[in-house]
Amino acid sequence: MAKQGQIANRSLEGLTSAATAATQAGHGAEPGERKLPPVHLWNPPFCGDLDMRIARDGTWFYLGTPIGRPALVRLFSTILKREDGKHFLVTPVEKVGIQVDDAPFAAVEMRVENGEDGQRLRFRTNVDDWVTCDGAHRLRFERAEDDGLMPYLHVRADLWAKVTRALYYDLVDLGEERKVDGCPMFGVVSAGEFFKMANADEVRAAID
């Protein structure tokens, strides 16, 4: 097991090589999606924390400096794993901790499509993954510091994308009111699922 200091000083090139080797084990994906390594099957020893951070806007930092190569960020995102509320970069032989200020991904683009199950919302993340919002990839809405709502989209395996403010307003425009357990709720529909945003009475009061 490597020491904490050794991990902190590890070169970006070394980590890149390990990540590249790990992605060679990528498994099949749905059409339009990329292959991802089976990190859920890997349980290597913990080797300490790495000086890497994902900021609230989705920017990746290494040793306090933004990682300016999108392809490198995309590569590291394929070996990202969350366990017990903490985030790690994982290969078959090692696991290192990284800091995530909010969600590890950002949803930066949305498309509204029509499918057999009606309206379908598809989101593109900042690492160019496309995710269809459905029962397995749900939207959740949390109260923001300004008492507004902040949406998050489930990407995979307890990894979430923070939806940009601009897309949040697009979701509001697509919203509708439904009764849930007898209570009027305002939310948005995708792939036959209704995702609650807030109590409909509160929404109407805020508009009036």
N, C-alpha and C. Protein backbone atom coordinates (compact mmCIF):
# COMPACT_ATOMS: atom_id res chain seq x y z
N MET A 1 0.85 -1.20 0.00
CA MET A 1 0.00 0.00 0.00
C MET A 1 0.88 1.24 0.00
N ALA A 2 0.57 2.17 -0.90
CA ALA A 2 1.38 3.38 -0.98
C ALA A 2 1.10 4.30 0.19
N LYS A 3 2.08 5.12 0.51
CA LYS A 3 1.91 6.07 1.59
C LYS A 3 1.17 7.30 1.07
N GLN A 4 0.59 8.07 2.01
CA GLN A 4 -0.18 9.24 1.65
C GLN A 4 0.64 10.22 0.83
N GLY A 5 1.88 10.49 1.25
CA GLY A 5 2.71 11.44 0.54
C GLY A 5 3.05 10.98 -0.86
N GLN A 6 3.24 9.68 -1.02
CA GLN A 6 3.55 9.15 -2.34
C GLN A 6 2.37 9.35 -3.29
N ILE A 7 1.17 9.16 -2.78
CA ILE A 7 -0.01 9.36 -3.60
C ILE A 7 -0.16 10.83 -3.95
N ALA A 8 0.06 11.71 -2.98
CA ALA A 8 -0.13 13.13 -3.22
C ALA A 8 0.80 13.65 -4.30
N ASN A 9 1.99 13.05 -4.42
CA ASN A 9 2.99 13.51 -5.37
C ASN A 9 3.02 12.69 -6.65
N ARG A 10 2.08 11.81 -6.80
CA ARG A 10 2.07 10.94 -7.97
C ARG A 10 1.88 11.77 -9.23
N SER A 11 2.59 11.42 -10.28
CA SER A 11 2.52 12.19 -11.52
C SER A 11 1.19 11.95 -12.22
N LEU A 12 0.73 12.96 -12.95
CA LEU A 12 -0.50 12.84 -13.71
C LEU A 12 -0.32 11.81 -14.82
N GLU A 13 0.91 11.72 -15.33
CA GLU A 13 1.18 10.75 -16.39
C GLU A 13 1.00 9.31 -15.89
N GLY A 14 1.47 9.06 -14.65
CA GLY A 14 1.31 7.73 -14.09
C GLY A 14 -0.14 7.35 -13.89
N LEU A 15 -0.92 8.29 -13.40
CA LEU A 15 -2.33 8.02 -13.18
C LEU A 15 -3.05 7.84 -14.51
N THR A 16 -2.64 8.62 -15.50
CA THR A 16 -3.24 8.49 -16.83
C THR A 16 -2.98 7.11 -17.41
N SER A 17 -1.76 6.62 -17.25
CA SER A 17 -1.42 5.29 -17.76
C SER A 17 -2.27 4.21 -17.08
N ALA A 18 -2.43 4.34 -15.77
CA ALA A 18 -3.24 3.36 -15.03
C ALA A 18 -4.69 3.41 -15.47
N ALA A 19 -5.21 4.63 -15.68
CA ALA A 19 -6.60 4.78 -16.10
C ALA A 19 -6.80 4.22 -17.50
N THR A 20 -5.84 4.48 -18.39
CA THR A 20 -5.93 3.97 -19.76
C THR A 20 -5.95 2.45 -19.78
N ALA A 21 -5.07 1.85 -18.97
CA ALA A 21 -5.03 0.39 -18.89
C ALA A 21 -6.34 -0.16 -18.34
N ALA A 22 -6.90 0.54 -17.36
CA ALA A 22 -8.15 0.07 -16.75
C ALA A 22 -9.30 0.11 -17.73
N THR A 23 -9.33 1.13 -18.59
CA THR A 23 -10.46 1.25 -19.52
C THR A 23 -10.42 0.20 -20.61
N GLN A 24 -9.30 -0.49 -20.77
CA GLN A 24 -9.24 -1.57 -21.75
C GLN A 24 -10.18 -2.70 -21.38
N ALA A 25 -10.58 -2.73 -20.09
CA ALA A 25 -11.52 -3.77 -19.63
C ALA A 25 -12.96 -3.33 -19.77
N GLY A 26 -13.18 -2.25 -20.51
CA GLY A 26 -14.53 -1.73 -20.67
C GLY A 26 -15.49 -2.77 -21.24
N HIS A 27 -16.73 -2.73 -20.75
CA HIS A 27 -17.73 -3.70 -21.19
C HIS A 27 -18.71 -3.04 -22.14
N GLY A 28 -19.58 -3.83 -22.73
CA GLY A 28 -20.54 -3.35 -23.71
C GLY A 28 -21.47 -2.31 -23.14
N ALA A 29 -21.99 -1.46 -24.04
CA ALA A 29 -22.90 -0.40 -23.62
C ALA A 29 -24.09 -0.37 -24.56
N GLU A 30 -25.10 0.39 -24.16
CA GLU A 30 -26.27 0.57 -25.02
C GLU A 30 -25.87 1.41 -26.24
N PRO A 31 -26.62 1.30 -27.34
CA PRO A 31 -26.32 2.10 -28.52
C PRO A 31 -26.26 3.58 -28.17
N GLY A 32 -25.23 4.26 -28.66
CA GLY A 32 -25.07 5.69 -28.38
C GLY A 32 -24.35 5.98 -27.09
N GLU A 33 -24.03 4.96 -26.31
CA GLU A 33 -23.31 5.16 -25.06
C GLU A 33 -21.91 4.57 -25.20
N ARG A 34 -20.98 5.09 -24.41
CA ARG A 34 -19.61 4.59 -24.50
C ARG A 34 -19.40 3.41 -23.55
N LYS A 35 -18.38 2.63 -23.85
CA LYS A 35 -18.03 1.51 -22.99
C LYS A 35 -17.32 2.03 -21.75
N LEU A 36 -17.61 1.43 -20.62
CA LEU A 36 -17.02 1.84 -19.35
C LEU A 36 -16.37 0.64 -18.68
N PRO A 37 -15.26 0.86 -17.98
CA PRO A 37 -14.63 -0.24 -17.26
C PRO A 37 -15.53 -0.71 -16.11
N PRO A 38 -15.46 -1.98 -15.74
CA PRO A 38 -16.35 -2.52 -14.70
C PRO A 38 -15.86 -2.19 -13.29
N VAL A 39 -15.85 -0.90 -12.95
CA VAL A 39 -15.31 -0.49 -11.65
C VAL A 39 -16.11 -1.09 -10.49
N HIS A 40 -17.38 -1.43 -10.75
CA HIS A 40 -18.20 -2.01 -9.69
C HIS A 40 -17.70 -3.40 -9.28
N LEU A 41 -16.88 -4.01 -10.13
CA LEU A 41 -16.34 -5.33 -9.81
C LEU A 41 -14.97 -5.26 -9.14
N TRP A 42 -14.38 -4.08 -9.09
CA TRP A 42 -13.03 -3.93 -8.56
C TRP A 42 -13.06 -3.49 -7.10
N ASN A 43 -12.30 -4.13 -6.28
CA ASN A 43 -12.21 -3.76 -4.86
C ASN A 43 -10.75 -3.82 -4.41
N PRO A 44 -9.90 -2.96 -5.00
CA PRO A 44 -8.47 -2.96 -4.67
C PRO A 44 -8.22 -2.28 -3.33
N PRO A 45 -7.02 -2.38 -2.78
CA PRO A 45 -6.71 -1.70 -1.52
C PRO A 45 -6.71 -0.18 -1.69
N PHE A 46 -7.10 0.51 -0.63
CA PHE A 46 -7.08 1.97 -0.62
C PHE A 46 -5.64 2.45 -0.46
N CYS A 47 -5.23 3.34 -1.35
CA CYS A 47 -3.84 3.79 -1.38
C CYS A 47 -3.66 5.23 -0.93
N GLY A 48 -4.68 5.83 -0.34
CA GLY A 48 -4.55 7.20 0.15
C GLY A 48 -5.31 8.18 -0.73
N ASP A 49 -5.24 9.44 -0.36
CA ASP A 49 -5.95 10.50 -1.08
C ASP A 49 -5.03 11.16 -2.10
N LEU A 50 -5.60 11.51 -3.24
CA LEU A 50 -4.89 12.20 -4.30
C LEU A 50 -5.31 13.67 -4.28
N ASP A 51 -4.38 14.57 -4.58
CA ASP A 51 -4.70 16.00 -4.61
C ASP A 51 -5.44 16.32 -5.90
N MET A 52 -6.64 15.80 -6.00
CA MET A 52 -7.50 16.05 -7.16
C MET A 52 -8.87 16.43 -6.65
N ARG A 53 -9.48 17.43 -7.31
CA ARG A 53 -10.78 17.94 -6.83
C ARG A 53 -11.68 18.25 -8.01
N ILE A 54 -12.96 17.93 -7.85
CA ILE A 54 -13.98 18.31 -8.82
C ILE A 54 -14.80 19.44 -8.20
N ALA A 55 -14.72 20.61 -8.79
CA ALA A 55 -15.42 21.78 -8.26
C ALA A 55 -16.92 21.70 -8.53
N ARG A 56 -17.67 22.63 -7.97
CA ARG A 56 -19.12 22.62 -8.09
C ARG A 56 -19.60 22.76 -9.54
N ASP A 57 -18.79 23.42 -10.36
CA ASP A 57 -19.18 23.61 -11.76
C ASP A 57 -18.71 22.47 -12.66
N GLY A 58 -18.11 21.41 -12.06
CA GLY A 58 -17.67 20.28 -12.83
C GLY A 58 -16.23 20.34 -13.29
N THR A 59 -15.50 21.43 -12.97
CA THR A 59 -14.10 21.55 -13.35
C THR A 59 -13.24 20.64 -12.48
N TRP A 60 -12.34 19.89 -13.13
CA TRP A 60 -11.41 19.01 -12.43
C TRP A 60 -10.09 19.75 -12.18
N PHE A 61 -9.56 19.62 -10.97
CA PHE A 61 -8.29 20.23 -10.59
C PHE A 61 -7.32 19.15 -10.14
N TYR A 62 -6.05 19.34 -10.50
CA TYR A 62 -4.98 18.46 -10.02
C TYR A 62 -3.88 19.33 -9.46
N LEU A 63 -3.52 19.10 -8.19
CA LEU A 63 -2.53 19.93 -7.48
C LEU A 63 -2.91 21.40 -7.55
N GLY A 64 -4.20 21.69 -7.47
CA GLY A 64 -4.70 23.06 -7.45
C GLY A 64 -4.82 23.72 -8.80
N THR A 65 -4.48 23.02 -9.88
CA THR A 65 -4.52 23.59 -11.23
C THR A 65 -5.59 22.88 -12.05
N PRO A 66 -6.41 23.64 -12.79
CA PRO A 66 -7.43 22.98 -13.63
C PRO A 66 -6.79 22.06 -14.65
N ILE A 67 -7.41 20.91 -14.85
CA ILE A 67 -6.96 19.98 -15.88
C ILE A 67 -7.55 20.47 -17.20
N GLY A 68 -6.70 20.97 -18.07
CA GLY A 68 -7.16 21.63 -19.28
C GLY A 68 -7.40 20.73 -20.46
N ARG A 69 -7.20 19.43 -20.30
CA ARG A 69 -7.38 18.49 -21.41
C ARG A 69 -8.70 17.74 -21.23
N PRO A 70 -9.74 18.09 -21.98
CA PRO A 70 -11.03 17.41 -21.84
C PRO A 70 -10.94 15.90 -21.97
N ALA A 71 -10.07 15.42 -22.85
CA ALA A 71 -9.94 13.98 -23.04
C ALA A 71 -9.43 13.30 -21.77
N LEU A 72 -8.57 14.00 -21.02
CA LEU A 72 -8.03 13.44 -19.79
C LEU A 72 -9.11 13.39 -18.71
N VAL A 73 -9.89 14.45 -18.61
CA VAL A 73 -11.00 14.47 -17.65
C VAL A 73 -11.99 13.36 -17.99
N ARG A 74 -12.26 13.21 -19.26
CA ARG A 74 -13.19 12.15 -19.70
C ARG A 74 -12.64 10.78 -19.33
N LEU A 75 -11.33 10.59 -19.49
CA LEU A 75 -10.71 9.32 -19.14
C LEU A 75 -10.85 9.04 -17.65
N PHE A 76 -10.51 10.01 -16.81
CA PHE A 76 -10.60 9.82 -15.36
C PHE A 76 -12.04 9.56 -14.93
N SER A 77 -13.00 10.18 -15.63
CA SER A 77 -14.40 10.01 -15.24
C SER A 77 -14.86 8.57 -15.40
N THR A 78 -14.19 7.80 -16.26
CA THR A 78 -14.60 6.41 -16.49
C THR A 78 -14.21 5.49 -15.33
N ILE A 79 -13.27 5.92 -14.49
CA ILE A 79 -12.85 5.07 -13.37
C ILE A 79 -13.27 5.67 -12.03
N LEU A 80 -14.28 6.54 -12.10
CA LEU A 80 -14.80 7.18 -10.89
C LEU A 80 -15.79 6.25 -10.20
N LYS A 81 -15.69 6.20 -8.88
CA LYS A 81 -16.55 5.32 -8.09
C LYS A 81 -16.92 6.03 -6.78
N ARG A 82 -18.12 5.77 -6.30
CA ARG A 82 -18.55 6.35 -5.03
C ARG A 82 -18.87 5.23 -4.05
N GLU A 83 -18.30 5.35 -2.86
CA GLU A 83 -18.54 4.37 -1.80
C GLU A 83 -18.70 5.11 -0.48
N ASP A 84 -19.79 4.81 0.25
CA ASP A 84 -20.04 5.40 1.56
C ASP A 84 -19.94 6.92 1.53
N GLY A 85 -20.46 7.53 0.46
CA GLY A 85 -20.50 8.97 0.35
C GLY A 85 -19.20 9.62 -0.08
N LYS A 86 -18.17 8.83 -0.36
CA LYS A 86 -16.88 9.37 -0.79
C LYS A 86 -16.59 8.93 -2.22
N HIS A 87 -15.77 9.72 -2.91
CA HIS A 87 -15.45 9.44 -4.30
C HIS A 87 -14.01 8.98 -4.45
N PHE A 88 -13.82 8.04 -5.38
CA PHE A 88 -12.50 7.45 -5.60
C PHE A 88 -12.26 7.27 -7.10
N LEU A 89 -10.98 7.26 -7.47
CA LEU A 89 -10.57 6.77 -8.78
C LEU A 89 -10.05 5.35 -8.55
N VAL A 90 -10.56 4.40 -9.34
CA VAL A 90 -10.31 2.99 -9.06
C VAL A 90 -9.77 2.29 -10.31
N THR A 91 -8.73 1.50 -10.10
CA THR A 91 -8.23 0.58 -11.12
C THR A 91 -8.27 -0.82 -10.49
N PRO A 92 -7.96 -1.86 -11.24
CA PRO A 92 -7.99 -3.20 -10.63
C PRO A 92 -7.01 -3.38 -9.48
N VAL A 93 -5.98 -2.51 -9.36
CA VAL A 93 -4.95 -2.74 -8.35
C VAL A 93 -4.86 -1.65 -7.29
N GLU A 94 -5.57 -0.54 -7.46
CA GLU A 94 -5.47 0.53 -6.46
C GLU A 94 -6.72 1.39 -6.45
N LYS A 95 -6.92 2.09 -5.34
CA LYS A 95 -8.04 3.00 -5.17
C LYS A 95 -7.54 4.24 -4.45
N VAL A 96 -7.75 5.42 -5.05
CA VAL A 96 -7.30 6.66 -4.43
C VAL A 96 -8.49 7.60 -4.26
N GLY A 97 -8.51 8.31 -3.14
CA GLY A 97 -9.60 9.22 -2.87
C GLY A 97 -9.41 10.57 -3.52
N ILE A 98 -10.50 11.17 -3.98
CA ILE A 98 -10.47 12.53 -4.51
C ILE A 98 -11.58 13.33 -3.86
N GLN A 99 -11.51 14.64 -3.96
CA GLN A 99 -12.51 15.52 -3.36
C GLN A 99 -13.53 15.95 -4.41
N VAL A 100 -14.80 15.86 -4.06
CA VAL A 100 -15.87 16.31 -4.95
C VAL A 100 -16.71 17.32 -4.16
N ASP A 101 -16.74 18.57 -4.63
CA ASP A 101 -17.41 19.63 -3.88
C ASP A 101 -18.92 19.48 -3.86
N ASP A 102 -19.49 18.94 -4.93
CA ASP A 102 -20.94 18.76 -4.99
C ASP A 102 -21.23 17.45 -5.71
N ALA A 103 -21.55 17.51 -6.99
CA ALA A 103 -21.74 16.30 -7.79
C ALA A 103 -20.54 16.18 -8.74
N PRO A 104 -20.15 14.95 -9.10
CA PRO A 104 -18.97 14.78 -9.95
C PRO A 104 -19.18 15.20 -11.39
N PHE A 105 -20.44 15.25 -11.84
CA PHE A 105 -20.73 15.62 -13.22
C PHE A 105 -21.65 16.83 -13.27
N ALA A 106 -21.71 17.45 -14.44
CA ALA A 106 -22.66 18.53 -14.69
C ALA A 106 -23.46 18.18 -15.93
N ALA A 107 -24.77 18.36 -15.88
CA ALA A 107 -25.62 18.17 -17.05
C ALA A 107 -25.71 19.52 -17.75
N VAL A 108 -25.19 19.59 -18.98
CA VAL A 108 -25.00 20.87 -19.65
C VAL A 108 -25.86 21.06 -20.89
N GLU A 109 -26.55 20.01 -21.31
CA GLU A 109 -27.41 20.10 -22.50
C GLU A 109 -28.58 19.15 -22.33
N MET A 110 -29.74 19.55 -22.85
CA MET A 110 -30.93 18.70 -22.75
C MET A 110 -31.65 18.66 -24.10
N ARG A 111 -32.10 17.48 -24.46
CA ARG A 111 -32.93 17.30 -25.65
C ARG A 111 -34.26 16.71 -25.24
N VAL A 112 -35.32 17.18 -25.85
CA VAL A 112 -36.66 16.65 -25.61
C VAL A 112 -37.04 15.81 -26.81
N GLU A 113 -37.26 14.53 -26.60
CA GLU A 113 -37.57 13.60 -27.67
C GLU A 113 -38.89 12.90 -27.38
N ASN A 114 -39.44 12.28 -28.41
CA ASN A 114 -40.67 11.51 -28.25
C ASN A 114 -40.38 10.04 -28.48
N GLY A 115 -40.83 9.20 -27.54
CA GLY A 115 -40.64 7.76 -27.65
C GLY A 115 -41.95 7.04 -27.47
N GLU A 116 -41.88 5.72 -27.43
CA GLU A 116 -43.09 4.92 -27.23
C GLU A 116 -43.75 5.22 -25.90
N ASP A 117 -42.93 5.64 -24.92
CA ASP A 117 -43.46 5.96 -23.60
C ASP A 117 -43.68 7.46 -23.43
N GLY A 118 -43.78 8.20 -24.54
CA GLY A 118 -44.07 9.62 -24.47
C GLY A 118 -42.80 10.46 -24.45
N GLN A 119 -42.90 11.61 -23.79
CA GLN A 119 -41.78 12.54 -23.73
C GLN A 119 -40.57 11.92 -23.03
N ARG A 120 -39.40 12.08 -23.64
CA ARG A 120 -38.16 11.58 -23.05
C ARG A 120 -37.15 12.73 -23.01
N LEU A 121 -36.55 12.93 -21.85
CA LEU A 121 -35.55 13.97 -21.68
C LEU A 121 -34.17 13.32 -21.69
N ARG A 122 -33.31 13.79 -22.58
CA ARG A 122 -31.94 13.26 -22.66
C ARG A 122 -30.97 14.39 -22.32
N PHE A 123 -30.03 14.06 -21.45
CA PHE A 123 -29.07 15.06 -20.97
C PHE A 123 -27.66 14.67 -21.39
N ARG A 124 -26.89 15.68 -21.78
CA ARG A 124 -25.45 15.48 -22.04
C ARG A 124 -24.67 16.04 -20.87
N THR A 125 -23.72 15.25 -20.36
CA THR A 125 -22.90 15.71 -19.25
C THR A 125 -21.66 16.43 -19.78
N ASN A 126 -20.92 17.02 -18.86
CA ASN A 126 -19.71 17.75 -19.23
C ASN A 126 -18.59 16.83 -19.71
N VAL A 127 -18.76 15.51 -19.58
CA VAL A 127 -17.78 14.57 -20.14
C VAL A 127 -18.38 13.82 -21.33
N ASP A 128 -19.43 14.42 -21.92
CA ASP A 128 -20.03 13.95 -23.17
C ASP A 128 -20.72 12.60 -23.07
N ASP A 129 -21.22 12.25 -21.90
CA ASP A 129 -22.11 11.10 -21.77
C ASP A 129 -23.54 11.57 -21.99
N TRP A 130 -24.32 10.81 -22.73
CA TRP A 130 -25.74 11.09 -22.89
C TRP A 130 -26.53 10.15 -21.98
N VAL A 131 -27.42 10.73 -21.18
CA VAL A 131 -28.20 9.97 -20.21
C VAL A 131 -29.68 10.27 -20.41
N THR A 132 -30.47 9.23 -20.61
CA THR A 132 -31.92 9.40 -20.71
C THR A 132 -32.54 9.35 -19.33
N CYS A 133 -33.29 10.36 -19.00
CA CYS A 133 -33.96 10.41 -17.69
C CYS A 133 -35.12 9.42 -17.69
N ASP A 134 -35.03 8.42 -16.79
CA ASP A 134 -36.07 7.41 -16.69
C ASP A 134 -36.07 6.83 -15.29
N GLY A 135 -36.69 5.69 -15.12
CA GLY A 135 -36.78 5.10 -13.80
C GLY A 135 -35.44 4.74 -13.20
N ALA A 136 -34.45 4.42 -14.04
CA ALA A 136 -33.13 4.05 -13.55
C ALA A 136 -32.19 5.25 -13.46
N HIS A 137 -32.54 6.33 -14.13
CA HIS A 137 -31.72 7.55 -14.14
C HIS A 137 -32.64 8.72 -13.79
N ARG A 138 -32.88 8.86 -12.51
CA ARG A 138 -33.93 9.74 -12.02
C ARG A 138 -33.43 11.18 -11.81
N LEU A 139 -34.38 12.08 -11.86
CA LEU A 139 -34.15 13.47 -11.45
C LEU A 139 -34.56 13.63 -10.00
N ARG A 140 -33.75 14.31 -9.22
CA ARG A 140 -34.15 14.70 -7.87
C ARG A 140 -33.92 16.19 -7.72
N PHE A 141 -34.72 16.81 -6.88
CA PHE A 141 -34.67 18.26 -6.70
C PHE A 141 -34.41 18.57 -5.23
N GLU A 142 -33.39 19.37 -4.97
CA GLU A 142 -33.04 19.74 -3.61
C GLU A 142 -33.15 21.26 -3.43
N ARG A 143 -33.39 21.67 -2.21
CA ARG A 143 -33.45 23.09 -1.90
C ARG A 143 -32.06 23.71 -2.00
N ALA A 144 -31.96 24.82 -2.74
CA ALA A 144 -30.69 25.52 -2.86
C ALA A 144 -30.57 26.56 -1.75
N GLU A 145 -29.40 27.17 -1.64
CA GLU A 145 -29.16 28.15 -0.58
C GLU A 145 -30.09 29.36 -0.71
N ASP A 146 -30.50 29.70 -1.95
CA ASP A 146 -31.40 30.83 -2.15
C ASP A 146 -32.86 30.42 -2.03
N ASP A 147 -33.10 29.21 -1.51
CA ASP A 147 -34.43 28.65 -1.29
C ASP A 147 -35.09 28.22 -2.61
N GLY A 148 -34.32 28.26 -3.70
CA GLY A 148 -34.83 27.73 -4.95
C GLY A 148 -34.59 26.22 -4.99
N LEU A 149 -34.74 25.66 -6.17
CA LEU A 149 -34.55 24.22 -6.34
C LEU A 149 -33.33 23.95 -7.21
N MET A 150 -32.59 22.91 -6.86
CA MET A 150 -31.43 22.49 -7.63
C MET A 150 -31.64 21.05 -8.08
N PRO A 151 -31.72 20.81 -9.40
CA PRO A 151 -31.94 19.45 -9.89
C PRO A 151 -30.64 18.67 -10.08
N TYR A 152 -30.73 17.38 -9.83
CA TYR A 152 -29.61 16.45 -10.04
C TYR A 152 -30.13 15.26 -10.83
N LEU A 153 -29.29 14.74 -11.73
CA LEU A 153 -29.65 13.59 -12.54
C LEU A 153 -28.74 12.42 -12.19
N HIS A 154 -29.34 11.25 -11.94
CA HIS A 154 -28.55 10.06 -11.66
C HIS A 154 -27.91 9.56 -12.96
N VAL A 155 -26.59 9.50 -12.99
CA VAL A 155 -25.86 9.07 -14.18
C VAL A 155 -25.62 7.56 -14.15
N ARG A 156 -24.99 7.08 -13.08
CA ARG A 156 -24.75 5.65 -12.93
C ARG A 156 -24.17 5.39 -11.54
N ALA A 157 -24.50 4.24 -10.99
CA ALA A 157 -23.85 3.71 -9.78
C ALA A 157 -23.61 4.77 -8.70
N ASP A 158 -24.66 5.49 -8.31
CA ASP A 158 -24.60 6.50 -7.26
C ASP A 158 -23.73 7.69 -7.64
N LEU A 159 -23.53 7.92 -8.91
CA LEU A 159 -22.84 9.11 -9.40
C LEU A 159 -23.89 10.02 -10.05
N TRP A 160 -23.85 11.30 -9.67
CA TRP A 160 -24.89 12.24 -10.08
C TRP A 160 -24.32 13.40 -10.87
N ALA A 161 -25.18 14.01 -11.68
CA ALA A 161 -24.83 15.22 -12.42
C ALA A 161 -25.70 16.37 -11.92
N LYS A 162 -25.06 17.49 -11.65
CA LYS A 162 -25.79 18.69 -11.27
C LYS A 162 -26.28 19.37 -12.54
N VAL A 163 -27.58 19.60 -12.63
CA VAL A 163 -28.18 20.21 -13.81
C VAL A 163 -27.98 21.71 -13.76
N THR A 164 -27.52 22.31 -14.85
CA THR A 164 -27.24 23.74 -14.87
C THR A 164 -28.51 24.55 -14.63
N ARG A 165 -28.32 25.77 -14.19
CA ARG A 165 -29.45 26.64 -13.89
C ARG A 165 -30.30 26.89 -15.13
N ALA A 166 -29.64 27.07 -16.28
CA ALA A 166 -30.38 27.31 -17.52
C ALA A 166 -31.30 26.13 -17.85
N LEU A 167 -30.79 24.92 -17.67
CA LEU A 167 -31.61 23.74 -17.95
C LEU A 167 -32.72 23.58 -16.92
N TYR A 168 -32.47 24.03 -15.70
CA TYR A 168 -33.52 23.98 -14.68
C TYR A 168 -34.74 24.79 -15.13
N TYR A 169 -34.49 25.98 -15.69
CA TYR A 169 -35.61 26.80 -16.16
C TYR A 169 -36.32 26.12 -17.34
N ASP A 170 -35.57 25.40 -18.17
CA ASP A 170 -36.20 24.63 -19.24
C ASP A 170 -37.10 23.53 -18.66
N LEU A 171 -36.64 22.90 -17.58
CA LEU A 171 -37.45 21.87 -16.94
C LEU A 171 -38.74 22.47 -16.37
N VAL A 172 -38.63 23.66 -15.79
CA VAL A 172 -39.82 24.33 -15.26
C VAL A 172 -40.83 24.59 -16.37
N ASP A 173 -40.34 25.03 -17.53
CA ASP A 173 -41.23 25.29 -18.67
C ASP A 173 -41.93 24.02 -19.13
N LEU A 174 -41.30 22.86 -18.93
CA LEU A 174 -41.89 21.59 -19.33
C LEU A 174 -42.76 20.98 -18.23
N GLY A 175 -42.79 21.63 -17.08
CA GLY A 175 -43.46 21.07 -15.91
C GLY A 175 -44.97 21.01 -16.03
N GLU A 176 -45.56 20.15 -15.22
CA GLU A 176 -47.00 20.01 -15.15
C GLU A 176 -47.40 19.62 -13.73
N GLU A 177 -48.68 19.73 -13.49
CA GLU A 177 -49.20 19.43 -12.14
C GLU A 177 -49.89 18.07 -12.14
N ARG A 178 -49.58 17.27 -11.12
CA ARG A 178 -50.25 15.98 -10.93
C ARG A 178 -50.49 15.76 -9.45
N LYS A 179 -51.45 14.89 -9.15
CA LYS A 179 -51.68 14.53 -7.77
C LYS A 179 -50.86 13.30 -7.42
N VAL A 180 -50.11 13.38 -6.35
CA VAL A 180 -49.29 12.28 -5.86
C VAL A 180 -49.73 11.99 -4.44
N ASP A 181 -50.29 10.81 -4.21
CA ASP A 181 -50.82 10.45 -2.89
C ASP A 181 -51.81 11.49 -2.39
N GLY A 182 -52.62 11.99 -3.33
CA GLY A 182 -53.66 12.96 -2.98
C GLY A 182 -53.18 14.38 -2.84
N CYS A 183 -51.88 14.62 -3.04
CA CYS A 183 -51.32 15.96 -2.88
C CYS A 183 -50.93 16.52 -4.25
N PRO A 184 -51.34 17.76 -4.57
CA PRO A 184 -50.97 18.33 -5.87
C PRO A 184 -49.47 18.65 -5.91
N MET A 185 -48.78 18.08 -6.91
CA MET A 185 -47.34 18.29 -7.04
C MET A 185 -47.02 18.82 -8.43
N PHE A 186 -46.02 19.65 -8.49
CA PHE A 186 -45.52 20.16 -9.76
C PHE A 186 -44.24 19.39 -10.09
N GLY A 187 -44.14 18.92 -11.34
CA GLY A 187 -42.97 18.14 -11.72
C GLY A 187 -42.84 18.03 -13.22
N VAL A 188 -41.96 17.15 -13.65
CA VAL A 188 -41.70 16.98 -15.07
C VAL A 188 -41.74 15.49 -15.41
N VAL A 189 -42.18 15.18 -16.63
CA VAL A 189 -42.36 13.80 -17.07
C VAL A 189 -41.25 13.43 -18.05
N SER A 190 -40.71 12.22 -17.89
CA SER A 190 -39.76 11.67 -18.85
C SER A 190 -39.86 10.15 -18.83
N ALA A 191 -39.95 9.56 -20.00
CA ALA A 191 -40.00 8.10 -20.16
C ALA A 191 -41.08 7.46 -19.28
N GLY A 192 -42.21 8.14 -19.19
CA GLY A 192 -43.34 7.59 -18.45
C GLY A 192 -43.26 7.78 -16.94
N GLU A 193 -42.22 8.45 -16.45
CA GLU A 193 -42.04 8.69 -15.01
C GLU A 193 -42.31 10.16 -14.70
N PHE A 194 -42.93 10.42 -13.54
CA PHE A 194 -43.18 11.79 -13.09
C PHE A 194 -42.20 12.11 -11.96
N PHE A 195 -41.39 13.15 -12.18
CA PHE A 195 -40.37 13.52 -11.20
C PHE A 195 -40.81 14.81 -10.49
N LYS A 196 -41.09 14.67 -9.22
CA LYS A 196 -41.63 15.78 -8.44
C LYS A 196 -40.58 16.87 -8.22
N MET A 197 -41.00 18.12 -8.42
CA MET A 197 -40.15 19.27 -8.10
C MET A 197 -40.52 19.87 -6.75
N ALA A 198 -41.81 20.19 -6.62
CA ALA A 198 -42.25 20.88 -5.41
C ALA A 198 -43.77 20.77 -5.31
N ASN A 199 -44.30 21.15 -4.15
CA ASN A 199 -45.74 21.21 -3.95
C ASN A 199 -46.33 22.23 -4.92
N ALA A 200 -47.38 21.84 -5.63
CA ALA A 200 -47.97 22.71 -6.65
C ALA A 200 -48.51 24.00 -6.06
N ASP A 201 -49.06 23.96 -4.86
CA ASP A 201 -49.57 25.17 -4.23
C ASP A 201 -48.44 26.18 -3.99
N GLU A 202 -47.27 25.69 -3.58
CA GLU A 202 -46.13 26.57 -3.36
C GLU A 202 -45.67 27.20 -4.68
N VAL A 203 -45.71 26.40 -5.74
CA VAL A 203 -45.30 26.92 -7.05
C VAL A 203 -46.25 28.01 -7.52
N ARG A 204 -47.54 27.78 -7.37
CA ARG A 204 -48.52 28.78 -7.79
C ARG A 204 -48.38 30.05 -6.97
N ALA A 205 -48.13 29.92 -5.68
CA ALA A 205 -47.96 31.10 -4.81
C ALA A 205 -46.72 31.91 -5.22
N ALA A 206 -45.66 31.19 -5.65
CA ALA A 206 -44.43 31.88 -6.05
C ALA A 206 -44.63 32.64 -7.34
N ILE A 207 -45.52 32.11 -8.22
CA ILE A 207 -45.77 32.78 -9.50
C ILE A 207 -46.67 33.98 -9.34
N ASP A 208 -47.67 33.87 -8.46
CA ASP A 208 -48.66 34.96 -8.27
C ASP A 208 -48.03 36.24 -7.69
